[in-house]
Amino acid sequence: MTDPNMVRQTLADFSDAGVIAVWAKEAMAYLVEAGIISVSNGKLMPNNTTTRAEMAQVLHNLLSKKPYTSTFHKVRIP
């Protein structure tokens, strides 16, 4: 679960945010701002392959959020 004392981050906090595909930016912004994804060495590394363990952690973090109060349902997929 996400630490409530954690400093909230945005995509602008990461030097490699500019290489996120246009279609994925809104969803990535949500995942970063909600603290669902973590970073490595201050980078999101959007062009790297996600491991099974990393994806399992993302799903755990997403499903552990307090009763679905997120705005994730507002993300539009072109």
N, C-alpha and C. Protein backbone atom coordinates (compact mmCIF):
# COMPACT_ATOMS: atom_id res chain seq x y z
N MET A 1 0.84 -1.17 0.00
CA MET A 1 0.00 0.00 0.00
C MET A 1 0.89 1.24 0.00
N THR A 2 0.39 2.31 -0.50
CA THR A 2 1.14 3.54 -0.61
C THR A 2 1.23 4.24 0.74
N ASP A 3 2.39 4.78 1.04
CA ASP A 3 2.61 5.52 2.28
C ASP A 3 1.92 6.88 2.18
N PRO A 4 0.99 7.20 3.09
CA PRO A 4 0.28 8.47 3.01
C PRO A 4 1.17 9.69 3.23
N ASN A 5 2.36 9.48 3.81
CA ASN A 5 3.30 10.58 4.03
C ASN A 5 4.25 10.78 2.86
N MET A 6 4.12 9.95 1.85
CA MET A 6 4.99 10.02 0.69
C MET A 6 4.73 11.31 -0.10
N VAL A 7 5.78 11.92 -0.59
CA VAL A 7 5.65 13.12 -1.41
C VAL A 7 5.05 12.72 -2.75
N ARG A 8 4.01 13.40 -3.16
CA ARG A 8 3.36 13.10 -4.44
C ARG A 8 4.23 13.58 -5.58
N GLN A 9 4.35 12.75 -6.59
CA GLN A 9 5.16 13.09 -7.75
C GLN A 9 4.27 13.22 -8.97
N THR A 10 4.78 13.89 -9.99
CA THR A 10 4.10 14.02 -11.26
C THR A 10 5.06 13.59 -12.36
N LEU A 11 4.56 13.43 -13.57
CA LEU A 11 5.43 13.06 -14.68
C LEU A 11 6.56 14.06 -14.87
N ALA A 12 6.28 15.32 -14.59
CA ALA A 12 7.29 16.37 -14.77
C ALA A 12 8.52 16.16 -13.88
N ASP A 13 8.40 15.33 -12.86
CA ASP A 13 9.52 15.06 -11.96
C ASP A 13 10.56 14.11 -12.55
N PHE A 14 10.28 13.54 -13.70
CA PHE A 14 11.15 12.52 -14.27
C PHE A 14 11.74 12.96 -15.60
N SER A 15 13.05 12.81 -15.73
CA SER A 15 13.73 13.27 -16.93
C SER A 15 13.35 12.50 -18.18
N ASP A 16 12.85 11.28 -18.03
CA ASP A 16 12.50 10.48 -19.20
C ASP A 16 11.00 10.48 -19.51
N ALA A 17 10.24 11.35 -18.87
CA ALA A 17 8.79 11.41 -19.11
C ALA A 17 8.47 11.77 -20.55
N GLY A 18 9.36 12.48 -21.21
CA GLY A 18 9.13 12.90 -22.59
C GLY A 18 9.12 11.75 -23.59
N VAL A 19 9.61 10.59 -23.21
CA VAL A 19 9.62 9.46 -24.14
C VAL A 19 8.42 8.53 -23.95
N ILE A 20 7.50 8.89 -23.05
CA ILE A 20 6.28 8.10 -22.88
C ILE A 20 5.41 8.33 -24.10
N ALA A 21 4.89 7.25 -24.66
CA ALA A 21 4.02 7.34 -25.83
C ALA A 21 2.81 8.21 -25.52
N VAL A 22 2.37 8.96 -26.51
CA VAL A 22 1.24 9.87 -26.34
C VAL A 22 0.02 9.15 -25.78
N TRP A 23 -0.25 7.95 -26.29
CA TRP A 23 -1.44 7.21 -25.87
C TRP A 23 -1.36 6.76 -24.41
N ALA A 24 -0.15 6.71 -23.84
CA ALA A 24 0.03 6.20 -22.48
C ALA A 24 0.23 7.30 -21.43
N LYS A 25 0.42 8.55 -21.87
CA LYS A 25 0.75 9.62 -20.93
C LYS A 25 -0.28 9.83 -19.83
N GLU A 26 -1.54 9.86 -20.17
CA GLU A 26 -2.58 10.12 -19.17
C GLU A 26 -2.61 9.01 -18.11
N ALA A 27 -2.54 7.77 -18.55
CA ALA A 27 -2.54 6.65 -17.61
C ALA A 27 -1.27 6.65 -16.75
N MET A 28 -0.13 6.92 -17.37
CA MET A 28 1.12 6.97 -16.62
C MET A 28 1.09 8.10 -15.59
N ALA A 29 0.51 9.23 -15.96
CA ALA A 29 0.39 10.35 -15.02
C ALA A 29 -0.43 9.92 -13.81
N TYR A 30 -1.53 9.22 -14.04
CA TYR A 30 -2.35 8.75 -12.93
C TYR A 30 -1.56 7.79 -12.04
N LEU A 31 -0.88 6.83 -12.65
CA LEU A 31 -0.15 5.81 -11.88
C LEU A 31 0.96 6.44 -11.05
N VAL A 32 1.64 7.45 -11.59
CA VAL A 32 2.69 8.14 -10.84
C VAL A 32 2.09 8.96 -9.72
N GLU A 33 1.08 9.78 -10.03
CA GLU A 33 0.48 10.67 -9.04
C GLU A 33 -0.19 9.90 -7.90
N ALA A 34 -0.73 8.74 -8.21
CA ALA A 34 -1.39 7.92 -7.18
C ALA A 34 -0.39 7.08 -6.39
N GLY A 35 0.88 7.10 -6.79
CA GLY A 35 1.89 6.32 -6.08
C GLY A 35 1.81 4.84 -6.37
N ILE A 36 1.19 4.47 -7.47
CA ILE A 36 1.02 3.06 -7.81
C ILE A 36 2.26 2.47 -8.44
N ILE A 37 2.99 3.27 -9.20
CA ILE A 37 4.23 2.78 -9.76
C ILE A 37 5.40 3.46 -9.07
N SER A 38 6.48 2.74 -8.96
CA SER A 38 7.69 3.30 -8.38
C SER A 38 8.72 3.44 -9.49
N VAL A 39 9.79 4.10 -9.16
CA VAL A 39 10.79 4.40 -10.19
C VAL A 39 12.14 3.81 -9.81
N SER A 40 13.01 3.78 -10.79
CA SER A 40 14.36 3.29 -10.58
C SER A 40 15.34 4.41 -10.91
N ASN A 41 16.14 4.81 -9.94
CA ASN A 41 17.13 5.87 -10.14
C ASN A 41 16.51 7.15 -10.67
N GLY A 42 15.31 7.47 -10.21
CA GLY A 42 14.66 8.71 -10.62
C GLY A 42 14.13 8.71 -12.04
N LYS A 43 14.04 7.54 -12.64
CA LYS A 43 13.54 7.44 -14.01
C LYS A 43 12.38 6.46 -14.07
N LEU A 44 11.44 6.73 -14.98
CA LEU A 44 10.32 5.83 -15.19
C LEU A 44 10.68 4.67 -16.11
N MET A 45 11.61 4.88 -16.98
CA MET A 45 12.08 3.89 -17.96
C MET A 45 10.93 3.30 -18.78
N PRO A 46 10.16 4.15 -19.46
CA PRO A 46 8.98 3.68 -20.19
C PRO A 46 9.29 2.79 -21.39
N ASN A 47 10.51 2.78 -21.86
CA ASN A 47 10.86 1.95 -23.01
C ASN A 47 11.41 0.58 -22.61
N ASN A 48 11.58 0.36 -21.32
CA ASN A 48 12.08 -0.93 -20.85
C ASN A 48 10.95 -1.95 -20.78
N THR A 49 11.31 -3.20 -20.81
CA THR A 49 10.34 -4.28 -20.65
C THR A 49 10.03 -4.45 -19.17
N THR A 50 8.76 -4.60 -18.84
CA THR A 50 8.34 -4.81 -17.46
C THR A 50 8.47 -6.29 -17.12
N THR A 51 9.06 -6.57 -15.96
CA THR A 51 9.18 -7.97 -15.53
C THR A 51 7.86 -8.42 -14.91
N ARG A 52 7.72 -9.71 -14.77
CA ARG A 52 6.52 -10.27 -14.13
C ARG A 52 6.40 -9.75 -12.70
N ALA A 53 7.51 -9.68 -11.98
CA ALA A 53 7.49 -9.20 -10.60
C ALA A 53 7.08 -7.73 -10.52
N GLU A 54 7.59 -6.92 -11.45
CA GLU A 54 7.22 -5.50 -11.46
C GLU A 54 5.73 -5.33 -11.73
N MET A 55 5.20 -6.09 -12.68
CA MET A 55 3.78 -5.99 -13.01
C MET A 55 2.93 -6.48 -11.84
N ALA A 56 3.37 -7.53 -11.18
CA ALA A 56 2.65 -8.03 -10.01
C ALA A 56 2.59 -6.95 -8.93
N GLN A 57 3.68 -6.22 -8.74
CA GLN A 57 3.70 -5.15 -7.73
C GLN A 57 2.76 -4.01 -8.12
N VAL A 58 2.75 -3.65 -9.41
CA VAL A 58 1.84 -2.60 -9.88
C VAL A 58 0.39 -3.01 -9.64
N LEU A 59 0.05 -4.25 -10.00
CA LEU A 59 -1.32 -4.73 -9.79
C LEU A 59 -1.68 -4.76 -8.31
N HIS A 60 -0.75 -5.20 -7.48
CA HIS A 60 -0.98 -5.21 -6.04
C HIS A 60 -1.24 -3.80 -5.53
N ASN A 61 -0.39 -2.86 -5.94
CA ASN A 61 -0.56 -1.47 -5.51
C ASN A 61 -1.90 -0.90 -5.99
N LEU A 62 -2.26 -1.20 -7.21
CA LEU A 62 -3.50 -0.70 -7.78
C LEU A 62 -4.71 -1.27 -7.04
N LEU A 63 -4.69 -2.56 -6.80
CA LEU A 63 -5.83 -3.22 -6.15
C LEU A 63 -5.89 -2.95 -4.65
N SER A 64 -4.79 -2.49 -4.07
CA SER A 64 -4.75 -2.20 -2.64
C SER A 64 -5.22 -0.78 -2.31
N LYS A 65 -5.50 0.01 -3.32
CA LYS A 65 -5.98 1.37 -3.08
C LYS A 65 -7.29 1.30 -2.30
N LYS A 66 -7.53 2.29 -1.48
CA LYS A 66 -8.79 2.35 -0.72
C LYS A 66 -9.95 2.32 -1.70
N PRO A 67 -11.08 1.82 -1.27
CA PRO A 67 -12.21 1.45 -2.15
C PRO A 67 -12.46 2.30 -3.39
N TYR A 68 -11.67 2.07 -4.36
CA TYR A 68 -11.91 2.57 -5.71
C TYR A 68 -12.38 4.01 -5.77
N THR A 69 -11.63 4.88 -5.12
CA THR A 69 -11.96 6.30 -5.15
C THR A 69 -11.13 7.03 -6.20
N SER A 70 -10.45 6.28 -7.04
CA SER A 70 -9.57 6.89 -8.02
C SER A 70 -10.36 7.50 -9.17
N THR A 71 -9.64 8.24 -9.99
CA THR A 71 -10.22 8.82 -11.20
C THR A 71 -9.74 8.06 -12.42
N PHE A 72 -9.19 6.87 -12.20
CA PHE A 72 -8.63 6.10 -13.31
C PHE A 72 -9.66 5.82 -14.39
N HIS A 73 -10.91 5.68 -14.02
CA HIS A 73 -11.95 5.39 -15.00
C HIS A 73 -12.15 6.53 -16.00
N LYS A 74 -11.57 7.70 -15.71
CA LYS A 74 -11.71 8.84 -16.61
C LYS A 74 -10.66 8.85 -17.72
N VAL A 75 -9.70 7.93 -17.67
CA VAL A 75 -8.66 7.89 -18.69
C VAL A 75 -9.30 7.44 -20.01
N ARG A 76 -9.09 8.24 -21.04
CA ARG A 76 -9.63 7.92 -22.35
C ARG A 76 -8.56 7.23 -23.19
N ILE A 77 -8.93 6.16 -23.84
CA ILE A 77 -8.02 5.45 -24.74
C ILE A 77 -8.43 5.80 -26.16
N PRO A 78 -7.51 6.42 -26.91
CA PRO A 78 -7.86 6.83 -28.29
C PRO A 78 -8.12 5.65 -29.20
